[in-house]
PDB file of N, CA and C in Angstrom:
ATOM      1  N   MET A   1      97.981 105.105  71.363  1.00  0.00           N
ATOM      2  CA  MET A   1      97.352 105.185  70.071  1.00  0.00           C
ATOM      3  C   MET A   1      95.983 104.501  70.090  1.00  0.00           C
ATOM      4  N   LYS A   2      95.878 103.447  70.882  1.00  0.00           N
ATOM      5  CA  LYS A   2      94.589 102.753  70.955  1.00  0.00           C
ATOM      6  C   LYS A   2      93.520 103.643  71.556  1.00  0.00           C
ATOM      7  N   SER A   3      93.888 104.410  72.600  1.00  0.00           N
ATOM      8  CA  SER A   3      92.874 105.282  73.207  1.00  0.00           C
ATOM      9  C   SER A   3      92.460 106.389  72.239  1.00  0.00           C
ATOM     10  N   ALA A   4      93.383 106.869  71.423  1.00  0.00           N
ATOM     11  CA  ALA A   4      93.039 107.890  70.419  1.00  0.00           C
ATOM     12  C   ALA A   4      92.085 107.296  69.387  1.00  0.00           C
ATOM     13  N   GLY A   5      92.307 106.072  68.978  1.00  0.00           N
ATOM     14  CA  GLY A   5      91.414 105.409  68.031  1.00  0.00           C
ATOM     15  C   GLY A   5      90.024 105.210  68.597  1.00  0.00           C
ATOM     16  N   ARG A   6      89.955 104.826  69.867  1.00  0.00           N
ATOM     17  CA  ARG A   6      88.642 104.653  70.512  1.00  0.00           C
ATOM     18  C   ARG A   6      87.914 105.985  70.618  1.00  0.00           C
ATOM     19  N   ARG A   7      88.636 107.037  71.010  1.00  0.00           N
ATOM     20  CA  ARG A   7      88.011 108.367  71.102  1.00  0.00           C
ATOM     21  C   ARG A   7      87.553 108.863  69.737  1.00  0.00           C
ATOM     22  N   LEU A   8      88.320 108.569  68.708  1.00  0.00           N
ATOM     23  CA  LEU A   8      87.938 108.941  67.354  1.00  0.00           C
ATOM     24  C   LEU A   8      86.607 108.285  66.984  1.00  0.00           C
ATOM     25  N   ALA A   9      86.500 106.996  67.224  1.00  0.00           N
ATOM     26  CA  ALA A   9      85.267 106.272  66.912  1.00  0.00           C
ATOM     27  C   ALA A   9      84.091 106.816  67.711  1.00  0.00           C
ATOM     28  N   GLU A  10      84.299 107.101  68.985  1.00  0.00           N
ATOM     29  CA  GLU A  10      83.226 107.638  69.823  1.00  0.00           C
ATOM     30  C   GLU A  10      82.804 109.026  69.354  1.00  0.00           C
ATOM     31  N   GLY A  11      83.765 109.805  68.873  1.00  0.00           N
ATOM     32  CA  GLY A  11      83.458 111.159  68.419  1.00  0.00           C
ATOM     33  C   GLY A  11      82.678 111.203  67.122  1.00  0.00           C
ATOM     34  N   ILE A  12      82.964 110.289  66.217  1.00  0.00           N
ATOM     35  CA  ILE A  12      82.269 110.335  64.924  1.00  0.00           C
ATOM     36  C   ILE A  12      81.123 109.334  64.818  1.00  0.00           C
ATOM     37  N   ALA A  13      80.893 108.564  65.861  1.00  0.00           N
ATOM     38  CA  ALA A  13      79.809 107.572  65.831  1.00  0.00           C
ATOM     39  C   ALA A  13      78.447 108.198  65.515  1.00  0.00           C
ATOM     40  N   PRO A  14      78.072 109.342  66.096  1.00  0.00           N
ATOM     41  CA  PRO A  14      76.769 109.927  65.745  1.00  0.00           C
ATOM     42  C   PRO A  14      76.654 110.276  64.259  1.00  0.00           C
ATOM     43  N   ILE A  15      77.748 110.750  63.680  1.00  0.00           N
ATOM     44  CA  ILE A  15      77.738 111.081  62.250  1.00  0.00           C
ATOM     45  C   ILE A  15      77.603 109.810  61.428  1.00  0.00           C
ATOM     46  N   LEU A  16      78.307 108.768  61.834  1.00  0.00           N
ATOM     47  CA  LEU A  16      78.239 107.497  61.116  1.00  0.00           C
ATOM     48  C   LEU A  16      76.849 106.878  61.217  1.00  0.00           C
ATOM     49  N   LEU A  17      76.198 107.045  62.371  1.00  0.00           N
ATOM     50  CA  LEU A  17      74.831 106.543  62.521  1.00  0.00           C
ATOM     51  C   LEU A  17      73.881 107.271  61.585  1.00  0.00           C
ATOM     52  N   ALA A  18      74.087 108.578  61.442  1.00  0.00           N
ATOM     53  CA  ALA A  18      73.192 109.372  60.589  1.00  0.00           C
ATOM     54  C   ALA A  18      73.439 109.123  59.107  1.00  0.00           C
ATOM     55  N   LEU A  19      74.708 109.044  58.709  1.00  0.00           N
ATOM     56  CA  LEU A  19      75.038 108.934  57.288  1.00  0.00           C
ATOM     57  C   LEU A  19      75.099 107.499  56.784  1.00  0.00           C
ATOM     58  N   ASP A  20      75.400 106.567  57.659  1.00  0.00           N
ATOM     59  CA  ASP A  20      75.517 105.143  57.326  1.00  0.00           C
ATOM     60  C   ASP A  20      76.421 104.886  56.119  1.00  0.00           C
ATOM     61  N   PRO A  21      77.690 105.321  56.202  1.00  0.00           N
ATOM     62  CA  PRO A  21      78.590 105.101  55.065  1.00  0.00           C
ATOM     63  C   PRO A  21      79.059 103.648  55.015  1.00  0.00           C
ATOM     64  N   ALA A  22      79.448 103.219  53.827  1.00  0.00           N
ATOM     65  CA  ALA A  22      79.992 101.870  53.657  1.00  0.00           C
ATOM     66  C   ALA A  22      81.468 101.827  54.030  1.00  0.00           C
ATOM     67  N   VAL A  23      82.154 102.984  53.873  1.00  0.00           N
ATOM     68  CA  VAL A  23      83.594 103.047  54.116  1.00  0.00           C
ATOM     69  C   VAL A  23      83.921 104.338  54.855  1.00  0.00           C
ATOM     70  N   VAL A  24      84.816 104.253  55.827  1.00  0.00           N
ATOM     71  CA  VAL A  24      85.387 105.426  56.504  1.00  0.00           C
ATOM     72  C   VAL A  24      86.865 105.458  56.134  1.00  0.00           C
ATOM     73  N   VAL A  25      87.317 106.564  55.567  1.00  0.00           N
ATOM     74  CA  VAL A  25      88.714 106.698  55.161  1.00  0.00           C
ATOM     75  C   VAL A  25      89.397 107.680  56.101  1.00  0.00           C
ATOM     76  N   LEU A  26      90.436 107.221  56.760  1.00  0.00           N
ATOM     77  CA  LEU A  26      91.198 108.065  57.670  1.00  0.00           C
ATOM     78  C   LEU A  26      92.384 108.662  56.929  1.00  0.00           C
ATOM     79  N   GLY A  27      92.531 109.971  57.008  1.00  0.00           N
ATOM     80  CA  GLY A  27      93.685 110.635  56.404  1.00  0.00           C
ATOM     81  C   GLY A  27      94.948 110.257  57.150  1.00  0.00           C
ATOM     82  N   THR A  28      96.032 110.106  56.429  1.00  0.00           N
ATOM     83  CA  THR A  28      97.272 109.642  57.043  1.00  0.00           C
ATOM     84  C   THR A  28      98.393 110.675  56.967  1.00  0.00           C
ATOM     85  N   SER A  29      98.047 111.945  56.812  1.00  0.00           N
ATOM     86  CA  SER A  29      99.105 112.947  56.704  1.00  0.00           C
ATOM     87  C   SER A  29      99.918 113.051  57.995  1.00  0.00           C
ATOM     88  N   GLN A  30      99.324 112.705  59.115  1.00  0.00           N
ATOM     89  CA  GLN A  30     100.064 112.723  60.374  1.00  0.00           C
ATOM     90  C   GLN A  30     101.058 111.572  60.459  1.00  0.00           C
ATOM     91  N   PHE A  31     100.871 110.578  59.605  1.00  0.00           N
ATOM     92  CA  PHE A  31     101.724 109.396  59.599  1.00  0.00           C
ATOM     93  C   PHE A  31     102.396 109.243  58.237  1.00  0.00           C
ATOM     94  N   ALA A  32     102.846 110.348  57.674  1.00  0.00           N
ATOM     95  CA  ALA A  32     103.362 110.359  56.300  1.00  0.00           C
ATOM     96  C   ALA A  32     104.635 109.530  56.128  1.00  0.00           C
ATOM     97  N   GLN A  33     105.445 109.461  57.137  1.00  0.00           N
ATOM     98  CA  GLN A  33     106.688 108.701  57.018  1.00  0.00           C
ATOM     99  C   GLN A  33     106.385 107.206  57.098  1.00  0.00           C
ATOM    100  N   PRO A  34     106.996 106.419  56.223  1.00  0.00           N
ATOM    101  CA  PRO A  34     106.715 104.970  56.203  1.00  0.00           C
ATOM    102  C   PRO A  34     106.935 104.289  57.549  1.00  0.00           C
ATOM    103  N   ARG A  35     107.873 104.769  58.326  1.00  0.00           N
ATOM    104  CA  ARG A  35     108.133 104.113  59.620  1.00  0.00           C
ATOM    105  C   ARG A  35     106.975 104.309  60.604  1.00  0.00           C
ATOM    106  N   LEU A  36     106.083 105.270  60.310  1.00  0.00           N
ATOM    107  CA  LEU A  36     104.947 105.526  61.189  1.00  0.00           C
ATOM    108  C   LEU A  36     103.672 104.811  60.751  1.00  0.00           C
ATOM    109  N   SER A  37     103.707 104.076  59.661  1.00  0.00           N
ATOM    110  CA  SER A  37     102.495 103.405  59.186  1.00  0.00           C
ATOM    111  C   SER A  37     101.927 102.401  60.195  1.00  0.00           C
ATOM    112  N   PRO A  38     102.760 101.720  61.003  1.00  0.00           N
ATOM    113  CA  PRO A  38     102.156 100.854  62.029  1.00  0.00           C
ATOM    114  C   PRO A  38     101.302 101.640  63.025  1.00  0.00           C
ATOM    115  N   ALA A  39     101.670 102.882  63.318  1.00  0.00           N
ATOM    116  CA  ALA A  39     100.867 103.699  64.226  1.00  0.00           C
ATOM    117  C   ALA A  39      99.516 104.024  63.599  1.00  0.00           C
ATOM    118  N   ALA A  40      99.514 104.334  62.311  1.00  0.00           N
ATOM    119  CA  ALA A  40      98.257 104.616  61.612  1.00  0.00           C
ATOM    120  C   ALA A  40      97.366 103.381  61.601  1.00  0.00           C
ATOM    121  N   GLU A  41      97.958 102.224  61.380  1.00  0.00           N
ATOM    122  CA  GLU A  41      97.188 100.981  61.375  1.00  0.00           C
ATOM    123  C   GLU A  41      96.630 100.674  62.758  1.00  0.00           C
ATOM    124  N   LEU A  42      97.392 100.955  63.802  1.00  0.00           N
ATOM    125  CA  LEU A  42      96.928 100.748  65.169  1.00  0.00           C
ATOM    126  C   LEU A  42      95.750 101.665  65.478  1.00  0.00           C
ATOM    127  N   LEU A  43      95.830 102.921  65.046  1.00  0.00           N
ATOM    128  CA  LEU A  43      94.740 103.873  65.233  1.00  0.00           C
ATOM    129  C   LEU A  43      93.478 103.386  64.520  1.00  0.00           C
ATOM    130  N   ARG A  44      93.645 102.974  63.270  1.00  0.00           N
ATOM    131  CA  ARG A  44      92.502 102.477  62.487  1.00  0.00           C
ATOM    132  C   ARG A  44      91.874 101.254  63.150  1.00  0.00           C
ATOM    133  N   ASP A  45      92.697 100.300  63.553  1.00  0.00           N
ATOM    134  CA  ASP A  45      92.181  99.074  64.159  1.00  0.00           C
ATOM    135  C   ASP A  45      91.422  99.361  65.455  1.00  0.00           C
ATOM    136  N   ALA A  46      91.959 100.267  66.271  1.00  0.00           N
ATOM    137  CA  ALA A  46      91.293 100.608  67.531  1.00  0.00           C
ATOM    138  C   ALA A  46      89.963 101.314  67.266  1.00  0.00           C
ATOM    139  N   ALA A  47      89.934 102.211  66.276  1.00  0.00           N
ATOM    140  CA  ALA A  47      88.698 102.907  65.937  1.00  0.00           C
ATOM    141  C   ALA A  47      87.664 101.931  65.390  1.00  0.00           C
ATOM    142  N   GLU A  48      88.106 101.036  64.539  1.00  0.00           N
ATOM    143  CA  GLU A  48      87.182 100.052  63.950  1.00  0.00           C
ATOM    144  C   GLU A  48      86.606  99.136  65.022  1.00  0.00           C
ATOM    145  N   GLU A  49      87.444  98.733  65.947  1.00  0.00           N
ATOM    146  CA  GLU A  49      86.993  97.846  67.021  1.00  0.00           C
ATOM    147  C   GLU A  49      85.969  98.542  67.914  1.00  0.00           C
ATOM    148  N   ARG A  50      86.242  99.794  68.269  1.00  0.00           N
ATOM    149  CA  ARG A  50      85.314 100.541  69.132  1.00  0.00           C
ATOM    150  C   ARG A  50      84.012 100.840  68.402  1.00  0.00           C
ATOM    151  N   ALA A  51      84.098 101.175  67.117  1.00  0.00           N
ATOM    152  CA  ALA A  51      82.898 101.484  66.340  1.00  0.00           C
ATOM    153  C   ALA A  51      81.984 100.272  66.243  1.00  0.00           C
ATOM    154  N   ALA A  52      82.556  99.086  66.224  1.00  0.00           N
ATOM    155  CA  ALA A  52      81.753  97.867  66.147  1.00  0.00           C
ATOM    156  C   ALA A  52      80.817  97.741  67.348  1.00  0.00           C
ATOM    157  N   GLY A  53      81.242  98.274  68.499  1.00  0.00           N
ATOM    158  CA  GLY A  53      80.396  98.227  69.685  1.00  0.00           C
ATOM    159  C   GLY A  53      79.395  99.371  69.763  1.00  0.00           C
ATOM    160  N   LEU A  54      79.547 100.376  68.913  1.00  0.00           N
ATOM    161  CA  LEU A  54      78.678 101.551  68.951  1.00  0.00           C
ATOM    162  C   LEU A  54      77.660 101.607  67.820  1.00  0.00           C
ATOM    163  N   LEU A  55      77.968 100.960  66.717  1.00  0.00           N
ATOM    164  CA  LEU A  55      77.146 101.099  65.518  1.00  0.00           C
ATOM    165  C   LEU A  55      76.387  99.816  65.199  1.00  0.00           C
ATOM    166  N   VAL A  56      75.254  99.976  64.554  1.00  0.00           N
ATOM    167  CA  VAL A  56      74.457  98.826  64.137  1.00  0.00           C
ATOM    168  C   VAL A  56      75.097  98.160  62.922  1.00  0.00           C
ATOM    169  N   ASP A  57      75.424  98.964  61.931  1.00  0.00           N
ATOM    170  CA  ASP A  57      76.031  98.467  60.693  1.00  0.00           C
ATOM    171  C   ASP A  57      77.421  99.092  60.574  1.00  0.00           C
ATOM    172  N   THR A  58      78.453  98.346  60.905  1.00  0.00           N
ATOM    173  CA  THR A  58      79.810  98.879  60.960  1.00  0.00           C
ATOM    174  C   THR A  58      80.393  99.038  59.559  1.00  0.00           C
ATOM    175  N   PRO A  59      80.896 100.247  59.233  1.00  0.00           N
ATOM    176  CA  PRO A  59      81.526 100.445  57.924  1.00  0.00           C
ATOM    177  C   PRO A  59      82.925  99.838  57.892  1.00  0.00           C
ATOM    178  N   GLU A  60      83.448  99.718  56.696  1.00  0.00           N
ATOM    179  CA  GLU A  60      84.832  99.292  56.526  1.00  0.00           C
ATOM    180  C   GLU A  60      85.719 100.510  56.801  1.00  0.00           C
ATOM    181  N   TRP A  61      86.835 100.309  57.469  1.00  0.00           N
ATOM    182  CA  TRP A  61      87.759 101.396  57.788  1.00  0.00           C
ATOM    183  C   TRP A  61      89.025 101.221  56.958  1.00  0.00           C
ATOM    184  N   ARG A  62      89.445 102.294  56.308  1.00  0.00           N
ATOM    185  CA  ARG A  62      90.657 102.254  55.478  1.00  0.00           C
ATOM    186  C   ARG A  62      91.539 103.458  55.787  1.00  0.00           C
ATOM    187  N   LEU A  63      92.805 103.312  55.464  1.00  0.00           N
ATOM    188  CA  LEU A  63      93.754 104.417  55.571  1.00  0.00           C
ATOM    189  C   LEU A  63      93.924 105.041  54.194  1.00  0.00           C
ATOM    190  N   SER A  64      93.928 106.362  54.146  1.00  0.00           N
ATOM    191  CA  SER A  64      94.101 107.068  52.879  1.00  0.00           C
ATOM    192  C   SER A  64      95.536 106.921  52.390  1.00  0.00           C
ATOM    193  N   VAL A  65      95.687 106.785  51.089  1.00  0.00           N
ATOM    194  CA  VAL A  65      97.025 106.747  50.500  1.00  0.00           C
ATOM    195  C   VAL A  65      97.388 108.100  49.886  1.00  0.00           C
ATOM    196  N   LEU A  66      96.469 109.074  49.951  1.00  0.00           N
ATOM    197  CA  LEU A  66      96.700 110.372  49.330  1.00  0.00           C
ATOM    198  C   LEU A  66      97.462 111.355  50.215  1.00  0.00           C
ATOM    199  N   GLY A  67      97.431 111.157  51.510  1.00  0.00           N
ATOM    200  CA  GLY A  67      98.134 112.065  52.414  1.00  0.00           C
ATOM    201  C   GLY A  67      97.614 113.483  52.309  1.00  0.00           C
ATOM    202  N   ASP A  68      98.509 114.455  52.233  1.00  0.00           N
ATOM    203  CA  ASP A  68      98.124 115.865  52.195  1.00  0.00           C
ATOM    204  C   ASP A  68      97.465 116.270  50.887  1.00  0.00           C
ATOM    205  N   GLU A  69      97.542 115.444  49.863  1.00  0.00           N
ATOM    206  CA  GLU A  69      96.961 115.774  48.560  1.00  0.00           C
ATOM    207  C   GLU A  69      95.465 115.443  48.481  1.00  0.00           C
ATOM    208  N   ALA A  70      94.900 114.858  49.500  1.00  0.00           N
ATOM    209  CA  ALA A  70      93.509 114.411  49.450  1.00  0.00           C
ATOM    210  C   ALA A  70      92.547 115.561  49.195  1.00  0.00           C
ATOM    211  N   ILE A  71      92.708 116.665  49.878  1.00  0.00           N
ATOM    212  CA  ILE A  71      91.781 117.786  49.729  1.00  0.00           C
ATOM    213  C   ILE A  71      91.882 118.375  48.333  1.00  0.00           C
ATOM    214  N   LEU A  72      93.090 118.574  47.856  1.00  0.00           N
ATOM    215  CA  LEU A  72      93.280 119.118  46.518  1.00  0.00           C
ATOM    216  C   LEU A  72      92.696 118.183  45.458  1.00  0.00           C
ATOM    217  N   ASN A  73      92.973 116.895  45.563  1.00  0.00           N
ATOM    218  CA  ASN A  73      92.427 115.934  44.602  1.00  0.00           C
ATOM    219  C   ASN A  73      90.901 115.926  44.629  1.00  0.00           C
ATOM    220  N   GLY A  74      90.322 115.982  45.811  1.00  0.00           N
ATOM    221  CA  GLY A  74      88.864 116.005  45.922  1.00  0.00           C
ATOM    222  C   GLY A  74      88.268 117.257  45.309  1.00  0.00           C
ATOM    223  N   ALA A  75      88.891 118.402  45.530  1.00  0.00           N
ATOM    224  CA  ALA A  75      88.384 119.655  44.968  1.00  0.00           C
ATOM    225  C   ALA A  75      88.454 119.651  43.449  1.00  0.00           C
ATOM    226  N   VAL A  76      89.551 119.174  42.907  1.00  0.00           N
ATOM    227  CA  VAL A  76      89.700 119.124  41.446  1.00  0.00           C
ATOM    228  C   VAL A  76      88.684 118.165  40.841  1.00  0.00           C
ATOM    229  N   ARG A  77      88.502 117.007  41.454  1.00  0.00           N
ATOM    230  CA  ARG A  77      87.525 116.047  40.933  1.00  0.00           C
ATOM    231  C   ARG A  77      86.106 116.614  41.000  1.00  0.00           C
ATOM    232  N   PHE A  78      85.794 117.311  42.085  1.00  0.00           N
ATOM    233  CA  PHE A  78      84.469 117.918  42.226  1.00  0.00           C
ATOM    234  C   PHE A  78      84.244 118.964  41.136  1.00  0.00           C
ATOM    235  N   ALA A  79      85.247 119.814  40.901  1.00  0.00           N
ATOM    236  CA  ALA A  79      85.125 120.850  39.866  1.00  0.00           C
ATOM    237  C   ALA A  79      84.969 120.232  38.482  1.00  0.00           C
ATOM    238  N   LEU A  80      85.752 119.210  38.188  1.00  0.00           N
ATOM    239  CA  LEU A  80      85.652 118.561  36.882  1.00  0.00           C
ATOM    240  C   LEU A  80      84.301 117.881  36.691  1.00  0.00           C
ATOM    241  N   ALA A  81      83.769 117.295  37.735  1.00  0.00           N
ATOM    242  CA  ALA A  81      82.454 116.668  37.644  1.00  0.00           C
ATOM    243  C   ALA A  81      81.377 117.712  37.373  1.00  0.00           C
ATOM    244  N   ALA A  82      81.506 118.885  37.990  1.00  0.00           N
ATOM    245  CA  ALA A  82      80.536 119.964  37.752  1.00  0.00           C
ATOM    246  C   ALA A  82      80.599 120.436  36.305  1.00  0.00           C
ATOM    247  N   VAL A  83      81.795 120.596  35.773  1.00  0.00           N
ATOM    248  CA  VAL A  83      81.947 121.008  34.372  1.00  0.00           C
ATOM    249  C   VAL A  83      81.385 119.932  33.452  1.00  0.00           C
ATOM    250  N   ASP A  84      81.644 118.691  33.730  1.00  0.00           N
ATOM    251  CA  ASP A  84      81.089 117.596  32.924  1.00  0.00           C
ATOM    252  C   ASP A  84      79.566 117.646  32.907  1.00  0.00           C
ATOM    253  N   ARG A  85      78.958 117.865  34.078  1.00  0.00           N
ATOM    254  CA  ARG A  85      77.493 117.943  34.151  1.00  0.00           C
ATOM    255  C   ARG A  85      76.968 119.076  33.289  1.00  0.00           C
ATOM    256  N   ILE A  86      77.624 120.222  33.370  1.00  0.00           N
ATOM    257  CA  ILE A  86      77.184 121.377  32.572  1.00  0.00           C
ATOM    258  C   ILE A  86      77.347 121.092  31.086  1.00  0.00           C
ATOM    259  N   LEU A  87      78.480 120.542  30.709  1.00  0.00           N
ATOM    260  CA  LEU A  87      78.720 120.268  29.293  1.00  0.00           C
ATOM    261  C   LEU A  87      77.748 119.236  28.727  1.00  0.00           C
ATOM    262  N   LEU A  88      77.343 118.292  29.535  1.00  0.00           N
ATOM    263  CA  LEU A  88      76.408 117.273  29.066  1.00  0.00           C
ATOM    264  C   LEU A  88      74.978 117.790  28.970  1.00  0.00           C
ATOM    265  N   THR A  89      74.619 118.747  29.805  1.00  0.00           N
ATOM    266  CA  THR A  89      73.232 119.208  29.835  1.00  0.00           C
ATOM    267  C   THR A  89      73.030 120.568  29.175  1.00  0.00           C
ATOM    268  N   ARG A  90      73.965 121.485  29.349  1.00  0.00           N
ATOM    269  CA  ARG A  90      73.824 122.841  28.809  1.00  0.00           C
ATOM    270  C   ARG A  90      75.170 123.345  28.318  1.00  0.00           C
ATOM    271  N   PRO A  91      75.707 122.834  27.246  1.00  0.00           N
ATOM    272  CA  PRO A  91      77.075 123.166  26.829  1.00  0.00           C
ATOM    273  C   PRO A  91      77.306 124.636  26.531  1.00  0.00           C
ATOM    274  N   THR A  92      76.284 125.367  26.125  1.00  0.00           N
ATOM    275  CA  THR A  92      76.516 126.781  25.772  1.00  0.00           C
ATOM    276  C   THR A  92      76.524 127.695  26.987  1.00  0.00           C
ATOM    277  N   THR A  93      76.085 127.229  28.157  1.00  0.00           N
ATOM    278  CA  THR A  93      76.035 128.102  29.326  1.00  0.00           C
ATOM    279  C   THR A  93      77.417 128.441  29.860  1.00  0.00           C
ATOM    280  N   LEU A  94      78.423 127.714  29.493  1.00  0.00           N
ATOM    281  CA  LEU A  94      79.788 128.035  29.925  1.00  0.00           C
ATOM    282  C   LEU A  94      80.299 129.300  29.250  1.00  0.00           C
ATOM    283  N   PHE A  95      79.736 129.639  28.097  1.00  0.00           N
ATOM    284  CA  PHE A  95      80.284 130.719  27.296  1.00  0.00           C
ATOM    285  C   PHE A  95      79.405 131.953  27.230  1.00  0.00           C
ATOM    286  N   THR A  96      78.315 131.999  27.978  1.00  0.00           N
ATOM    287  CA  THR A  96      77.455 133.180  27.966  1.00  0.00           C
ATOM    288  C   THR A  96      77.979 134.204  28.957  1.00  0.00           C
ATOM    289  N   ALA A  97      77.747 135.459  28.628  1.00  0.00           N
ATOM    290  CA  ALA A  97      78.255 136.544  29.493  1.00  0.00           C
ATOM    291  C   ALA A  97      77.251 136.924  30.543  1.00  0.00           C
TER     292      ALA A  97
END
């Protein structure tokens, strides 16, 4: 698991250098069962440790608590934010043909 974490950090290091995020969230759907959470933590710790040697400003690494629902939740939130923007700026454009 440690080697997978190191490879993960090496693979996304160029993206992290370009985007400079404050937080990296790892999806945990592969570790959905509670008995596998130590494996997810080991992966995260290994990735965080390797990234510290590759990056200038190391982000915080967290494990997602959403599991397989992360994509759906993100899509719904994105859609709702778009509707909110429209309603705040051009409320009648939702109803024009």
